[in-house]
C-alpha atoms as a PDB file:
ATOM      1  CA  MET A   1      -4.219 -51.136 -20.738  1.00  0.00           C
ATOM      2  CA  LYS A   2      -0.841 -51.515 -19.085  1.00  0.00           C
ATOM      3  CA  THR A   3       0.507 -48.513 -20.994  1.00  0.00           C
ATOM      4  CA  LEU A   4      -2.426 -46.380 -19.847  1.00  0.00           C
ATOM      5  CA  ALA A   5      -1.815 -47.346 -16.221  1.00  0.00           C
ATOM      6  CA  PHE A   6       1.919 -46.723 -16.655  1.00  0.00           C
ATOM      7  CA  ALA A   7       1.238 -43.268 -18.167  1.00  0.00           C
ATOM      8  CA  ALA A   8      -1.102 -42.366 -15.291  1.00  0.00           C
ATOM      9  CA  LEU A   9       1.513 -43.496 -12.782  1.00  0.00           C
ATOM     10  CA  LEU A  10       4.227 -41.553 -14.595  1.00  0.00           C
ATOM     11  CA  PHE A  11       2.263 -38.298 -14.532  1.00  0.00           C
ATOM     12  CA  SER A  12       1.241 -38.678 -10.891  1.00  0.00           C
ATOM     13  CA  ILE A  13       4.822 -38.972  -9.605  1.00  0.00           C
ATOM     14  CA  SER A  14       6.359 -35.620  -8.774  1.00  0.00           C
ATOM     15  CA  VAL A  15       9.892 -35.202 -10.024  1.00  0.00           C
ATOM     16  CA  PRO A  16      12.212 -33.024  -7.940  1.00  0.00           C
ATOM     17  CA  HIS A  17      13.489 -30.038  -9.867  1.00  0.00           C
ATOM     18  CA  SER A  18      17.201 -29.738 -10.311  1.00  0.00           C
ATOM     19  CA  GLY A  19      18.895 -26.390  -9.925  1.00  0.00           C
ATOM     20  CA  ALA A  20      19.312 -23.790  -7.263  1.00  0.00           C
ATOM     21  CA  PRO A  21      16.255 -22.450  -5.494  1.00  0.00           C
ATOM     22  CA  ALA A  22      15.168 -18.950  -6.419  1.00  0.00           C
ATOM     23  CA  SER A  23      17.133 -16.370  -4.496  1.00  0.00           C
ATOM     24  CA  ARG A  24      15.034 -14.427  -2.069  1.00  0.00           C
ATOM     25  CA  VAL A  25      15.868 -10.936  -1.018  1.00  0.00           C
ATOM     26  CA  PRO A  26      15.476 -10.502   2.724  1.00  0.00           C
ATOM     27  CA  HIS A  27      13.291  -7.573   3.630  1.00  0.00           C
ATOM     28  CA  ASP A  28      12.573  -5.739   6.772  1.00  0.00           C
ATOM     29  CA  GLY A  29       9.245  -4.452   8.007  1.00  0.00           C
ATOM     30  CA  ALA A  30       9.954  -0.934   6.688  1.00  0.00           C
ATOM     31  CA  ASP A  31       9.396  -1.992   3.071  1.00  0.00           C
ATOM     32  CA  ALA A  32       6.089  -3.614   3.957  1.00  0.00           C
ATOM     33  CA  ALA A  33       5.022  -0.531   5.899  1.00  0.00           C
ATOM     34  CA  LYS A  34       5.805   1.737   2.949  1.00  0.00           C
ATOM     35  CA  ALA A  35       3.855  -0.487   0.590  1.00  0.00           C
ATOM     36  CA  ALA A  36       0.864  -0.650   2.925  1.00  0.00           C
ATOM     37  CA  ARG A  37       0.813   3.103   3.487  1.00  0.00           C
ATOM     38  CA  ARG A  38      -1.519   4.616   0.929  1.00  0.00           C
ATOM     39  CA  GLY A  39      -2.111   8.321   0.752  1.00  0.00           C
ATOM     40  CA  GLN A  40      -1.407  11.498  -1.109  1.00  0.00           C
ATOM     41  CA  TRP A  41       0.708  14.606  -0.732  1.00  0.00           C
ATOM     42  CA  TYR A  42      -1.161  17.898  -0.242  1.00  0.00           C
ATOM     43  CA  MET A  43      -0.121  21.536   0.054  1.00  0.00           C
ATOM     44  CA  ALA A  44      -1.094  22.811   3.492  1.00  0.00           C
ATOM     45  CA  GLN A  45      -2.314  26.334   4.089  1.00  0.00           C
ATOM     46  CA  SER A  46       0.946  26.997   5.949  1.00  0.00           C
ATOM     47  CA  GLY A  47       2.885  26.339   2.723  1.00  0.00           C
ATOM     48  CA  HIS A  48       4.295  22.945   3.720  1.00  0.00           C
ATOM     49  CA  ALA A  49       3.668  19.662   1.948  1.00  0.00           C
ATOM     50  CA  VAL A  50       1.878  17.071   4.092  1.00  0.00           C
ATOM     51  CA  PHE A  51       1.232  13.372   3.506  1.00  0.00           C
ATOM     52  CA  CYS A  52      -2.323  12.339   4.399  1.00  0.00           C
ATOM     53  CA  SER A  53      -4.057   8.993   4.078  1.00  0.00           C
ATOM     54  CA  GLY A  54      -7.630  10.037   4.817  1.00  0.00           C
ATOM     55  CA  PRO A  55     -10.256  11.731   2.667  1.00  0.00           C
ATOM     56  CA  VAL A  56     -10.405  15.459   1.993  1.00  0.00           C
ATOM     57  CA  VAL A  57     -13.436  16.996   3.701  1.00  0.00           C
ATOM     58  CA  THR A  58     -15.032  20.419   3.430  1.00  0.00           C
ATOM     59  CA  VAL A  59     -15.954  22.097   6.709  1.00  0.00           C
ATOM     60  CA  ALA A  60     -17.333  25.489   7.653  1.00  0.00           C
ATOM     61  CA  GLY A  61     -14.629  27.921   8.675  1.00  0.00           C
ATOM     62  CA  PRO A  62     -14.810  30.279  11.661  1.00  0.00           C
ATOM     63  CA  ASP A  63     -16.055  33.128   9.469  1.00  0.00           C
ATOM     64  CA  GLY A  64     -18.673  30.986   7.707  1.00  0.00           C
ATOM     65  CA  SER A  65     -16.596  30.221   4.592  1.00  0.00           C
ATOM     66  CA  LEU A  66     -15.934  26.687   3.420  1.00  0.00           C
ATOM     67  CA  GLN A  67     -12.486  25.248   4.113  1.00  0.00           C
ATOM     68  CA  ARG A  68     -10.983  22.058   2.618  1.00  0.00           C
ATOM     69  CA  MET A  69      -9.228  19.849   5.172  1.00  0.00           C
ATOM     70  CA  ALA A  70      -7.029  16.789   4.699  1.00  0.00           C
ATOM     71  CA  THR A  71      -7.514  14.090   7.323  1.00  0.00           C
ATOM     72  CA  PHE A  72      -5.265  11.465   8.961  1.00  0.00           C
ATOM     73  CA  CYS A  73      -2.041  13.286   8.177  1.00  0.00           C
ATOM     74  CA  GLN A  74       1.460  12.151   9.033  1.00  0.00           C
ATOM     75  CA  GLY A  75       2.984  13.663  12.138  1.00  0.00           C
ATOM     76  CA  ASP A  76       1.217  15.126  15.129  1.00  0.00           C
ATOM     77  CA  LYS A  77      -1.723  16.653  13.213  1.00  0.00           C
ATOM     78  CA  THR A  78      -4.724  14.566  12.251  1.00  0.00           C
ATOM     79  CA  ILE A  79      -6.460  17.300  10.265  1.00  0.00           C
ATOM     80  CA  VAL A  80      -4.717  19.987   8.189  1.00  0.00           C
ATOM     81  CA  PRO A  81      -6.286  22.976   6.355  1.00  0.00           C
ATOM     82  CA  LEU A  82      -5.384  22.903   2.659  1.00  0.00           C
ATOM     83  CA  ARG A  83      -4.320  25.688   0.347  1.00  0.00           C
ATOM     84  CA  ASP A  84      -6.790  26.224  -2.482  1.00  0.00           C
END
């Protein structure tokens, strides 16, 4: 019975680990922002590549045709017409 109590006591005591702590690489907020930014690159109708994080929607164009648009794009434009 004493050995069982001794074994329980032995396993319940936490032993400090010897050795150096794991090295941590300091990071700035830019890495976290890049990881959190999800999206996709699209080819705009103007011929430039744009990075957009929103869905692609289809809207009626001015002449009645259907036009694909990328939404929530990087920069000053929130919606960009896409090249088909």
